[in-house]
N, C-alpha and C. Protein backbone atom coordinates (compact mmCIF):
# COMPACT_ATOMS: atom_id res chain seq x y z
N MET A 1 80.95 75.94 108.06
CA MET A 1 82.28 76.10 107.46
C MET A 1 82.67 74.82 106.72
N THR A 2 83.14 74.96 105.50
CA THR A 2 83.53 73.80 104.71
C THR A 2 84.88 73.28 105.17
N SER A 3 85.16 72.02 104.80
CA SER A 3 86.47 71.46 105.12
C SER A 3 87.54 72.20 104.34
N GLU A 4 88.75 72.22 104.89
CA GLU A 4 89.84 72.98 104.28
C GLU A 4 90.72 72.08 103.43
N VAL A 5 91.35 72.67 102.42
CA VAL A 5 92.25 71.96 101.52
C VAL A 5 93.54 72.76 101.38
N ARG A 6 94.56 72.13 100.86
CA ARG A 6 95.81 72.81 100.57
C ARG A 6 95.70 73.60 99.27
N ALA A 7 96.63 74.53 99.10
CA ALA A 7 96.74 75.24 97.83
C ALA A 7 97.20 74.28 96.74
N ALA A 8 96.97 74.65 95.49
CA ALA A 8 97.27 73.76 94.37
C ALA A 8 98.75 73.39 94.29
N HIS A 9 99.63 74.28 94.75
CA HIS A 9 101.07 74.01 94.64
C HIS A 9 101.58 73.05 95.71
N ALA A 10 100.79 72.79 96.73
CA ALA A 10 101.28 72.05 97.90
C ALA A 10 101.37 70.55 97.63
N SER A 11 102.49 69.96 98.06
CA SER A 11 102.63 68.51 97.98
C SER A 11 103.65 68.05 99.02
N ASP A 12 103.45 66.85 99.53
CA ASP A 12 104.39 66.29 100.50
C ASP A 12 105.76 66.08 99.87
N GLU A 13 105.76 65.72 98.59
CA GLU A 13 107.03 65.49 97.89
C GLU A 13 107.84 66.78 97.81
N LEU A 14 107.17 67.89 97.57
CA LEU A 14 107.86 69.18 97.48
C LEU A 14 108.41 69.61 98.83
N SER A 15 107.60 69.51 99.87
CA SER A 15 108.08 69.92 101.20
C SER A 15 109.19 69.00 101.69
N ALA A 16 109.18 67.73 101.27
CA ALA A 16 110.24 66.80 101.67
C ALA A 16 111.58 67.20 101.08
N ARG A 17 111.56 67.94 99.97
CA ARG A 17 112.80 68.37 99.33
C ARG A 17 113.26 69.75 99.80
N TYR A 18 112.58 70.32 100.80
CA TYR A 18 112.95 71.66 101.27
C TYR A 18 114.37 71.63 101.85
N PRO A 19 115.24 72.54 101.42
CA PRO A 19 116.64 72.55 101.89
C PRO A 19 116.73 72.71 103.41
N GLY A 20 117.45 71.82 104.06
CA GLY A 20 117.66 71.91 105.50
C GLY A 20 116.65 71.17 106.34
N ARG A 21 115.68 70.56 105.70
CA ARG A 21 114.63 69.85 106.44
C ARG A 21 115.19 68.73 107.30
N ASP A 22 116.23 68.05 106.82
CA ASP A 22 116.74 66.86 107.50
C ASP A 22 118.07 67.10 108.22
N LEU A 23 118.39 68.35 108.49
CA LEU A 23 119.62 68.63 109.22
C LEU A 23 119.55 68.06 110.63
N THR A 24 120.67 67.61 111.15
CA THR A 24 120.72 67.10 112.52
C THR A 24 120.86 68.26 113.50
N ASP A 25 120.55 67.99 114.76
CA ASP A 25 120.75 69.01 115.80
C ASP A 25 122.21 69.44 115.87
N GLU A 26 123.11 68.49 115.66
CA GLU A 26 124.53 68.81 115.68
C GLU A 26 124.89 69.81 114.58
N GLN A 27 124.35 69.60 113.40
CA GLN A 27 124.62 70.51 112.29
C GLN A 27 124.02 71.89 112.55
N LYS A 28 122.81 71.93 113.08
CA LYS A 28 122.17 73.21 113.38
C LYS A 28 122.94 73.96 114.47
N ASN A 29 123.36 73.24 115.49
CA ASN A 29 124.09 73.88 116.59
C ASN A 29 125.45 74.39 116.13
N ALA A 30 126.05 73.74 115.14
CA ALA A 30 127.33 74.23 114.61
C ALA A 30 127.16 75.60 113.98
N VAL A 31 126.00 75.85 113.37
CA VAL A 31 125.70 77.17 112.82
C VAL A 31 125.45 78.16 113.95
N ARG A 32 124.62 77.78 114.91
CA ARG A 32 124.29 78.68 116.02
C ARG A 32 125.51 79.03 116.86
N ASP A 33 126.42 78.08 117.01
CA ASP A 33 127.62 78.29 117.84
C ASP A 33 128.80 78.84 117.04
N ALA A 34 128.59 79.07 115.74
CA ALA A 34 129.63 79.60 114.85
C ALA A 34 130.85 78.68 114.77
N THR A 35 130.61 77.37 114.83
CA THR A 35 131.71 76.40 114.71
C THR A 35 131.69 75.67 113.37
N ALA A 36 130.66 75.91 112.55
CA ALA A 36 130.60 75.27 111.23
C ALA A 36 131.68 75.86 110.33
N SER A 37 132.31 75.02 109.54
CA SER A 37 133.32 75.50 108.59
C SER A 37 132.63 76.01 107.33
N ILE A 38 133.35 76.81 106.56
CA ILE A 38 132.80 77.29 105.29
C ILE A 38 132.52 76.11 104.37
N GLU A 39 133.40 75.11 104.39
CA GLU A 39 133.18 73.92 103.58
C GLU A 39 131.86 73.24 103.96
N GLN A 40 131.59 73.15 105.25
CA GLN A 40 130.34 72.54 105.69
C GLN A 40 129.14 73.36 105.23
N LEU A 41 129.25 74.68 105.32
CA LEU A 41 128.15 75.54 104.89
C LEU A 41 127.84 75.36 103.41
N VAL A 42 128.89 75.24 102.61
CA VAL A 42 128.72 75.13 101.16
C VAL A 42 128.32 73.73 100.73
N GLU A 43 128.91 72.72 101.38
CA GLU A 43 128.76 71.35 100.89
C GLU A 43 127.62 70.57 101.55
N THR A 44 127.16 71.00 102.72
CA THR A 44 126.08 70.28 103.40
C THR A 44 124.74 70.76 102.88
N GLU A 45 123.96 69.87 102.31
CA GLU A 45 122.68 70.23 101.73
C GLU A 45 121.78 70.93 102.74
N GLY A 46 121.39 72.17 102.43
CA GLY A 46 120.46 72.90 103.26
C GLY A 46 121.07 73.67 104.41
N LEU A 47 122.35 73.48 104.71
CA LEU A 47 122.93 74.14 105.88
C LEU A 47 123.03 75.64 105.68
N LEU A 48 123.35 76.08 104.48
CA LEU A 48 123.44 77.52 104.23
C LEU A 48 122.06 78.17 104.30
N THR A 49 121.04 77.48 103.81
CA THR A 49 119.67 77.99 103.92
C THR A 49 119.29 78.16 105.38
N PHE A 50 119.63 77.18 106.20
CA PHE A 50 119.37 77.27 107.64
C PHE A 50 120.14 78.43 108.25
N ALA A 51 121.40 78.60 107.85
CA ALA A 51 122.25 79.66 108.40
C ALA A 51 121.70 81.04 108.08
N VAL A 52 121.21 81.24 106.87
CA VAL A 52 120.64 82.53 106.49
C VAL A 52 119.38 82.81 107.32
N GLY A 53 118.56 81.79 107.52
CA GLY A 53 117.38 81.96 108.36
C GLY A 53 117.73 82.32 109.79
N GLU A 54 118.75 81.67 110.34
CA GLU A 54 119.18 81.97 111.70
C GLU A 54 119.75 83.38 111.80
N ALA A 55 120.45 83.83 110.74
CA ALA A 55 120.99 85.19 110.74
C ALA A 55 119.86 86.21 110.76
N LEU A 56 118.80 85.96 109.99
CA LEU A 56 117.65 86.86 109.98
C LEU A 56 116.98 86.87 111.35
N SER A 57 116.83 85.70 111.94
CA SER A 57 116.20 85.59 113.26
C SER A 57 116.97 86.37 114.31
N SER A 58 118.28 86.17 114.37
CA SER A 58 119.08 86.85 115.40
C SER A 58 119.15 88.34 115.15
N PHE A 59 119.10 88.76 113.89
CA PHE A 59 119.12 90.19 113.57
C PHE A 59 117.86 90.88 114.08
N VAL A 60 116.70 90.31 113.75
CA VAL A 60 115.43 90.91 114.15
C VAL A 60 115.27 90.90 115.67
N THR A 61 115.46 89.73 116.29
CA THR A 61 115.29 89.65 117.74
C THR A 61 116.36 90.44 118.47
N GLY A 62 117.57 90.50 117.91
CA GLY A 62 118.64 91.27 118.54
C GLY A 62 118.35 92.75 118.58
N ILE A 63 117.78 93.28 117.50
CA ILE A 63 117.41 94.69 117.47
C ILE A 63 116.36 94.99 118.54
N LEU A 64 115.33 94.16 118.60
CA LEU A 64 114.26 94.39 119.58
C LEU A 64 114.77 94.26 121.01
N GLU A 65 115.64 93.29 121.25
CA GLU A 65 116.23 93.15 122.59
C GLU A 65 117.11 94.34 122.94
N SER A 66 117.80 94.90 121.96
CA SER A 66 118.64 96.07 122.20
C SER A 66 117.79 97.29 122.54
N VAL A 67 116.66 97.45 121.85
CA VAL A 67 115.74 98.54 122.17
C VAL A 67 115.25 98.40 123.61
N ALA A 68 114.93 97.17 124.01
CA ALA A 68 114.48 96.93 125.39
C ALA A 68 115.55 97.30 126.40
N GLU A 69 116.79 96.97 126.10
CA GLU A 69 117.90 97.28 127.01
C GLU A 69 118.14 98.78 127.12
N ILE A 70 117.98 99.49 126.02
CA ILE A 70 118.27 100.92 125.99
C ILE A 70 117.09 101.74 126.51
N ALA A 71 115.88 101.40 126.06
CA ALA A 71 114.72 102.25 126.34
C ALA A 71 113.62 101.57 127.14
N GLY A 72 113.77 100.29 127.46
CA GLY A 72 112.76 99.59 128.23
C GLY A 72 111.87 98.71 127.37
N GLU A 73 111.20 97.77 128.04
CA GLU A 73 110.40 96.78 127.32
C GLU A 73 109.23 97.41 126.57
N GLU A 74 108.57 98.42 127.15
CA GLU A 74 107.43 99.02 126.48
C GLU A 74 107.84 99.70 125.19
N ALA A 75 109.01 100.32 125.18
CA ALA A 75 109.52 100.93 123.95
C ALA A 75 109.81 99.87 122.90
N ALA A 76 110.34 98.73 123.34
CA ALA A 76 110.61 97.63 122.42
C ALA A 76 109.32 97.06 121.85
N ILE A 77 108.29 96.98 122.68
CA ILE A 77 106.99 96.50 122.20
C ILE A 77 106.42 97.47 121.17
N ALA A 78 106.55 98.78 121.42
CA ALA A 78 106.08 99.78 120.46
C ALA A 78 106.82 99.65 119.14
N ALA A 79 108.12 99.42 119.20
CA ALA A 79 108.92 99.23 117.98
C ALA A 79 108.49 97.96 117.26
N ALA A 80 108.25 96.89 118.02
CA ALA A 80 107.82 95.62 117.43
C ALA A 80 106.48 95.77 116.71
N VAL A 81 105.58 96.55 117.30
CA VAL A 81 104.27 96.78 116.68
C VAL A 81 104.43 97.53 115.36
N GLN A 82 105.28 98.54 115.35
CA GLN A 82 105.49 99.30 114.12
C GLN A 82 106.12 98.43 113.03
N VAL A 83 107.10 97.62 113.43
CA VAL A 83 107.73 96.71 112.47
C VAL A 83 106.70 95.71 111.93
N GLY A 84 105.89 95.16 112.81
CA GLY A 84 104.89 94.19 112.39
C GLY A 84 103.87 94.77 111.43
N HIS A 85 103.38 95.98 111.72
CA HIS A 85 102.42 96.63 110.82
C HIS A 85 103.01 96.78 109.43
N ARG A 86 104.24 97.27 109.37
CA ARG A 86 104.88 97.50 108.07
C ARG A 86 105.12 96.16 107.35
N TYR A 87 105.60 95.19 108.09
CA TYR A 87 105.89 93.87 107.52
C TYR A 87 104.64 93.24 106.92
N GLY A 88 103.56 93.19 107.70
CA GLY A 88 102.33 92.57 107.23
C GLY A 88 101.71 93.32 106.07
N ARG A 89 101.60 94.64 106.21
CA ARG A 89 100.96 95.45 105.18
C ARG A 89 101.74 95.42 103.86
N GLU A 90 103.03 95.70 103.93
CA GLU A 90 103.82 95.84 102.71
C GLU A 90 104.04 94.50 102.00
N ASN A 91 104.27 93.45 102.76
CA ASN A 91 104.52 92.16 102.12
C ASN A 91 103.26 91.59 101.46
N TYR A 92 102.12 91.68 102.15
CA TYR A 92 100.90 91.13 101.56
C TYR A 92 100.44 91.97 100.37
N SER A 93 100.51 93.29 100.50
CA SER A 93 100.09 94.14 99.38
C SER A 93 101.01 93.94 98.17
N LYS A 94 102.31 93.76 98.40
CA LYS A 94 103.23 93.51 97.29
C LYS A 94 102.92 92.19 96.61
N TYR A 95 102.65 91.16 97.40
CA TYR A 95 102.32 89.85 96.85
C TYR A 95 101.09 89.94 95.95
N LEU A 96 100.06 90.63 96.42
CA LEU A 96 98.84 90.78 95.63
C LEU A 96 99.08 91.61 94.38
N ARG A 97 99.74 92.74 94.55
CA ARG A 97 99.95 93.67 93.44
C ARG A 97 100.78 93.05 92.32
N ASN A 98 101.89 92.44 92.68
CA ASN A 98 102.82 91.94 91.66
C ASN A 98 102.33 90.67 90.98
N ARG A 99 101.32 90.03 91.55
CA ARG A 99 100.74 88.83 90.92
C ARG A 99 99.36 89.11 90.33
N GLY A 100 98.89 90.35 90.46
CA GLY A 100 97.59 90.71 89.92
C GLY A 100 96.44 89.99 90.60
N LEU A 101 96.53 89.83 91.93
CA LEU A 101 95.55 89.06 92.69
C LEU A 101 94.73 89.95 93.61
N THR A 102 93.59 89.43 94.03
CA THR A 102 92.74 90.06 95.04
C THR A 102 92.69 89.14 96.25
N SER A 103 92.72 89.72 97.44
CA SER A 103 92.74 88.92 98.66
C SER A 103 91.52 88.01 98.76
N SER A 104 91.77 86.77 99.14
CA SER A 104 90.73 85.77 99.38
C SER A 104 91.35 84.67 100.22
N PRO A 105 90.57 83.76 100.79
CA PRO A 105 91.17 82.67 101.56
C PRO A 105 92.18 81.85 100.75
N GLU A 106 91.85 81.53 99.49
CA GLU A 106 92.78 80.75 98.67
C GLU A 106 94.08 81.50 98.42
N VAL A 107 93.97 82.79 98.11
CA VAL A 107 95.16 83.61 97.85
C VAL A 107 95.98 83.79 99.12
N PHE A 108 95.31 84.02 100.24
CA PHE A 108 96.03 84.23 101.50
C PHE A 108 96.73 82.95 101.94
N CYS A 109 96.12 81.81 101.68
CA CYS A 109 96.75 80.52 101.98
C CYS A 109 98.05 80.37 101.19
N ALA A 110 98.00 80.69 99.89
CA ALA A 110 99.19 80.61 99.06
C ALA A 110 100.25 81.60 99.53
N TYR A 111 99.82 82.78 99.95
CA TYR A 111 100.75 83.79 100.47
C TYR A 111 101.45 83.27 101.72
N GLN A 112 100.70 82.66 102.63
CA GLN A 112 101.29 82.11 103.85
C GLN A 112 102.34 81.05 103.51
N ASP A 113 102.04 80.19 102.56
CA ASP A 113 103.02 79.18 102.14
C ASP A 113 104.28 79.85 101.60
N TYR A 114 104.09 80.87 100.77
CA TYR A 114 105.24 81.54 100.16
C TYR A 114 106.12 82.18 101.23
N MET A 115 105.52 82.92 102.14
CA MET A 115 106.30 83.64 103.15
C MET A 115 106.99 82.69 104.11
N HIS A 116 106.37 81.56 104.41
CA HIS A 116 107.03 80.58 105.26
C HIS A 116 108.16 79.88 104.51
N ALA A 117 107.98 79.67 103.22
CA ALA A 117 109.00 78.96 102.44
C ALA A 117 110.27 79.79 102.26
N VAL A 118 110.15 81.12 102.17
CA VAL A 118 111.33 81.94 101.88
C VAL A 118 112.13 82.31 103.13
N ARG A 119 111.72 81.81 104.30
CA ARG A 119 112.39 82.19 105.53
C ARG A 119 113.14 81.05 106.22
N GLY A 120 113.38 80.00 105.51
CA GLY A 120 114.24 78.95 106.04
C GLY A 120 113.51 77.80 106.69
N PRO A 121 114.25 76.76 107.07
CA PRO A 121 113.65 75.51 107.55
C PRO A 121 112.78 75.65 108.80
N ARG A 122 113.14 76.56 109.71
CA ARG A 122 112.32 76.69 110.93
C ARG A 122 110.92 77.18 110.59
N HIS A 123 110.83 78.21 109.76
CA HIS A 123 109.52 78.73 109.37
C HIS A 123 108.80 77.77 108.42
N ALA A 124 109.57 77.01 107.66
CA ALA A 124 108.96 76.10 106.68
C ALA A 124 108.27 74.92 107.34
N THR A 125 108.35 74.79 108.66
CA THR A 125 107.55 73.76 109.34
C THR A 125 106.06 74.04 109.20
N ALA A 126 105.71 75.24 108.72
CA ALA A 126 104.30 75.58 108.50
C ALA A 126 103.76 75.03 107.18
N LEU A 127 104.61 74.49 106.34
CA LEU A 127 104.13 73.97 105.05
C LEU A 127 103.39 72.64 105.27
N TRP A 128 102.07 72.58 104.99
CA TRP A 128 101.35 73.54 104.16
C TRP A 128 100.15 74.11 104.91
N ALA A 129 99.81 75.37 104.62
CA ALA A 129 98.58 75.94 105.15
C ALA A 129 97.39 75.32 104.43
N THR A 130 96.20 75.46 105.01
CA THR A 130 94.97 74.98 104.37
C THR A 130 93.94 76.10 104.36
N TYR A 131 92.97 75.99 103.44
CA TYR A 131 91.95 77.04 103.34
C TYR A 131 90.58 76.44 103.04
N GLY A 132 89.55 77.19 103.43
CA GLY A 132 88.17 76.86 103.11
C GLY A 132 87.48 78.07 102.51
N ASP A 133 86.15 78.06 102.51
CA ASP A 133 85.41 79.17 101.91
C ASP A 133 85.69 80.50 102.60
N ASP A 134 85.90 80.46 103.91
CA ASP A 134 86.10 81.71 104.64
C ASP A 134 87.19 81.57 105.71
N SER A 135 88.13 80.65 105.50
CA SER A 135 89.11 80.39 106.55
C SER A 135 90.46 79.96 105.98
N VAL A 136 91.50 80.20 106.78
CA VAL A 136 92.84 79.71 106.49
C VAL A 136 93.45 79.25 107.81
N THR A 137 94.07 78.09 107.82
CA THR A 137 94.72 77.57 109.02
C THR A 137 96.21 77.39 108.77
N VAL A 138 97.00 77.93 109.69
CA VAL A 138 98.46 77.79 109.62
C VAL A 138 98.93 77.17 110.92
N GLU A 139 99.66 76.07 110.82
CA GLU A 139 100.20 75.40 112.01
C GLU A 139 101.68 75.12 111.78
N ARG A 140 102.50 75.45 112.77
CA ARG A 140 103.94 75.21 112.64
C ARG A 140 104.52 74.81 113.98
N SER A 141 105.58 74.01 113.93
CA SER A 141 106.22 73.53 115.15
C SER A 141 107.37 74.42 115.59
N ASP A 142 107.78 75.34 114.72
CA ASP A 142 108.88 76.26 115.05
C ASP A 142 108.58 77.61 114.43
N CYS A 143 109.33 78.62 114.84
CA CYS A 143 109.11 79.98 114.35
C CYS A 143 110.45 80.69 114.25
N LEU A 144 110.69 81.31 113.12
CA LEU A 144 111.95 82.00 112.88
C LEU A 144 112.20 83.11 113.89
N TYR A 145 111.13 83.76 114.33
CA TYR A 145 111.29 84.94 115.18
C TYR A 145 111.26 84.63 116.67
N PHE A 146 111.08 83.36 117.01
CA PHE A 146 111.09 83.00 118.43
C PHE A 146 112.50 82.66 118.87
N SER A 147 112.93 83.28 119.95
CA SER A 147 114.22 82.93 120.55
C SER A 147 114.01 82.75 122.04
N GLY A 148 114.84 81.94 122.65
CA GLY A 148 114.68 81.68 124.07
C GLY A 148 114.27 80.24 124.31
N GLU A 149 113.80 79.98 125.50
CA GLU A 149 113.43 78.62 125.89
C GLU A 149 111.96 78.37 125.61
N ARG A 150 111.67 77.24 124.98
CA ARG A 150 110.28 76.88 124.73
C ARG A 150 109.51 76.78 126.04
N GLY A 151 108.30 77.30 126.03
CA GLY A 151 107.49 77.33 127.23
C GLY A 151 107.57 78.65 127.96
N THR A 152 108.46 79.53 127.53
CA THR A 152 108.62 80.84 128.14
C THR A 152 108.07 81.90 127.20
N PRO A 153 107.06 82.68 127.62
CA PRO A 153 106.49 83.70 126.74
C PRO A 153 107.50 84.79 126.40
N ASN A 154 107.29 85.43 125.25
CA ASN A 154 108.10 86.56 124.82
C ASN A 154 107.15 87.67 124.40
N ARG A 155 106.93 88.65 125.28
CA ARG A 155 105.94 89.70 125.02
C ARG A 155 106.29 90.53 123.80
N ILE A 156 107.56 90.76 123.58
CA ILE A 156 107.98 91.63 122.48
C ILE A 156 107.68 90.98 121.13
N VAL A 157 108.10 89.74 120.96
CA VAL A 157 107.85 89.05 119.70
C VAL A 157 106.36 88.76 119.53
N ALA A 158 105.65 88.50 120.62
CA ALA A 158 104.20 88.29 120.55
C ALA A 158 103.51 89.54 120.01
N ALA A 159 103.99 90.71 120.44
CA ALA A 159 103.43 91.97 119.95
C ALA A 159 103.69 92.13 118.46
N MET A 160 104.87 91.73 118.01
CA MET A 160 105.17 91.82 116.58
C MET A 160 104.29 90.87 115.78
N GLU A 161 104.11 89.64 116.28
CA GLU A 161 103.26 88.66 115.59
C GLU A 161 101.84 89.21 115.44
N ALA A 162 101.28 89.76 116.52
CA ALA A 162 99.91 90.28 116.48
C ALA A 162 99.80 91.45 115.52
N SER A 163 100.81 92.30 115.49
CA SER A 163 100.75 93.49 114.63
C SER A 163 100.95 93.14 113.16
N ILE A 164 101.63 92.03 112.88
CA ILE A 164 101.72 91.57 111.49
C ILE A 164 100.31 91.29 110.95
N VAL A 165 99.48 90.65 111.77
CA VAL A 165 98.10 90.38 111.37
C VAL A 165 97.35 91.69 111.17
N GLU A 166 97.58 92.66 112.04
CA GLU A 166 96.94 93.97 111.87
C GLU A 166 97.39 94.61 110.56
N GLY A 167 98.64 94.36 110.16
CA GLY A 167 99.10 94.84 108.86
C GLY A 167 98.35 94.18 107.72
N TYR A 168 98.10 92.88 107.84
CA TYR A 168 97.28 92.19 106.83
C TYR A 168 95.89 92.82 106.76
N GLN A 169 95.34 93.16 107.92
CA GLN A 169 93.99 93.72 107.98
C GLN A 169 93.92 95.10 107.33
N GLN A 170 95.04 95.81 107.30
CA GLN A 170 95.07 97.09 106.59
C GLN A 170 94.93 96.88 105.08
N VAL A 171 95.34 95.71 104.61
CA VAL A 171 95.19 95.35 103.20
C VAL A 171 93.81 94.75 102.94
N ASP A 172 93.35 93.89 103.84
CA ASP A 172 92.04 93.25 103.71
C ASP A 172 91.31 93.36 105.05
N PRO A 173 90.42 94.34 105.19
CA PRO A 173 89.72 94.55 106.46
C PRO A 173 88.80 93.40 106.87
N GLN A 174 88.53 92.47 105.95
CA GLN A 174 87.65 91.35 106.29
C GLN A 174 88.38 90.23 107.04
N LEU A 175 89.69 90.36 107.17
CA LEU A 175 90.51 89.30 107.76
C LEU A 175 90.56 89.41 109.29
N ARG A 176 90.39 88.29 109.96
CA ARG A 176 90.51 88.21 111.42
C ARG A 176 91.36 86.99 111.76
N MET A 177 91.92 86.97 112.98
CA MET A 177 92.71 85.81 113.38
C MET A 177 92.50 85.46 114.84
N GLU A 178 92.39 84.17 115.11
CA GLU A 178 92.46 83.64 116.46
C GLU A 178 93.80 82.93 116.60
N ASN A 179 94.41 83.06 117.76
CA ASN A 179 95.76 82.53 117.97
C ASN A 179 95.78 81.68 119.24
N PRO A 180 95.12 80.51 119.21
CA PRO A 180 95.00 79.71 120.43
C PRO A 180 96.31 79.12 120.93
N ARG A 181 97.30 79.04 120.05
CA ARG A 181 98.57 78.43 120.46
C ARG A 181 99.72 79.13 119.75
N CYS A 182 100.74 79.53 120.52
CA CYS A 182 101.87 80.24 119.91
C CYS A 182 103.10 80.11 120.81
N LEU A 183 104.25 79.89 120.20
CA LEU A 183 105.51 79.83 120.95
C LEU A 183 105.73 81.10 121.75
N THR A 184 105.36 82.25 121.17
CA THR A 184 105.60 83.52 121.87
C THR A 184 104.71 83.68 123.10
N LYS A 185 103.63 82.89 123.17
CA LYS A 185 102.75 82.94 124.34
C LYS A 185 103.11 81.89 125.38
N GLY A 186 104.13 81.10 125.10
CA GLY A 186 104.57 80.10 126.06
C GLY A 186 104.10 78.69 125.77
N ASN A 187 103.52 78.47 124.56
CA ASN A 187 103.12 77.12 124.18
C ASN A 187 104.30 76.39 123.56
N PRO A 188 104.89 75.40 124.23
CA PRO A 188 106.13 74.79 123.75
C PRO A 188 105.97 73.96 122.48
N GLU A 189 104.74 73.51 122.19
CA GLU A 189 104.55 72.61 121.06
C GLU A 189 104.50 73.33 119.72
N GLY A 190 104.35 74.64 119.71
CA GLY A 190 104.34 75.37 118.45
C GLY A 190 103.18 76.34 118.34
N CYS A 191 102.86 76.73 117.09
CA CYS A 191 101.90 77.80 116.83
C CYS A 191 100.71 77.29 116.01
N LEU A 192 99.54 77.84 116.30
CA LEU A 192 98.34 77.57 115.53
C LEU A 192 97.63 78.89 115.28
N HIS A 193 97.53 79.27 114.00
CA HIS A 193 96.88 80.52 113.62
C HIS A 193 95.62 80.19 112.82
N LEU A 194 94.49 80.68 113.28
CA LEU A 194 93.21 80.44 112.62
C LEU A 194 92.71 81.76 112.04
N PHE A 195 92.81 81.91 110.75
CA PHE A 195 92.37 83.13 110.06
C PHE A 195 90.94 82.95 109.56
N ARG A 196 90.14 84.02 109.70
CA ARG A 196 88.76 84.01 109.23
C ARG A 196 88.51 85.24 108.37
N PHE A 197 87.71 85.05 107.33
CA PHE A 197 87.34 86.15 106.43
C PHE A 197 85.85 86.41 106.59
N SER A 198 85.50 87.58 107.10
CA SER A 198 84.10 87.93 107.26
C SER A 198 83.54 88.47 105.95
N GLN A 199 82.22 88.47 105.82
CA GLN A 199 81.59 89.01 104.63
C GLN A 199 81.51 90.53 104.72
N PRO A 200 81.73 91.23 103.59
CA PRO A 200 81.60 92.70 103.62
C PRO A 200 80.19 93.11 104.02
N ALA A 201 80.09 94.24 104.71
CA ALA A 201 78.78 94.76 105.10
C ALA A 201 77.98 95.15 103.86
N GLU A 202 76.68 94.88 103.90
CA GLU A 202 75.81 95.25 102.76
C GLU A 202 75.66 96.77 102.70
């Protein structure tokens, strides 16, 4: 396996300018606790970007938690799997189709950067992914879809994460992933996703 590199668009200078990257814990908690003023949301660099990301996170996890409360954890896991399949399949296929691209490690690396960038500062901790001839590596210290205490597994969100990859595989059957470290599995330090592209059968 060759050494991995970043996509052409990736730079430390660009990621350093990501909105909300330098927010303090106090500023983040003001959003989570609904104590931030509208003036703060508008005038504090990156705070609104963070707030939108948190709203998406609480919406997705809140729905899955509500399904678990109403119908049980297994029903919530089934719902998470269906959501993940649709999310992975439709988003990756749209990215390829609208840009006139074919799936490859380089393209998938750029896709991972794009999807992490559009979901707010927590997900943007994954910037930047790297790729090689047959591999893509994504590492992040936080995850938009993880809620709860670090070090505590979340079976429902873990099922959604795994099914997102299965959705990618519906677009590119050569894609595989190893997930040695993940917040949803109880790893407090963050997530490590190792994607591999196998060769098509002769």
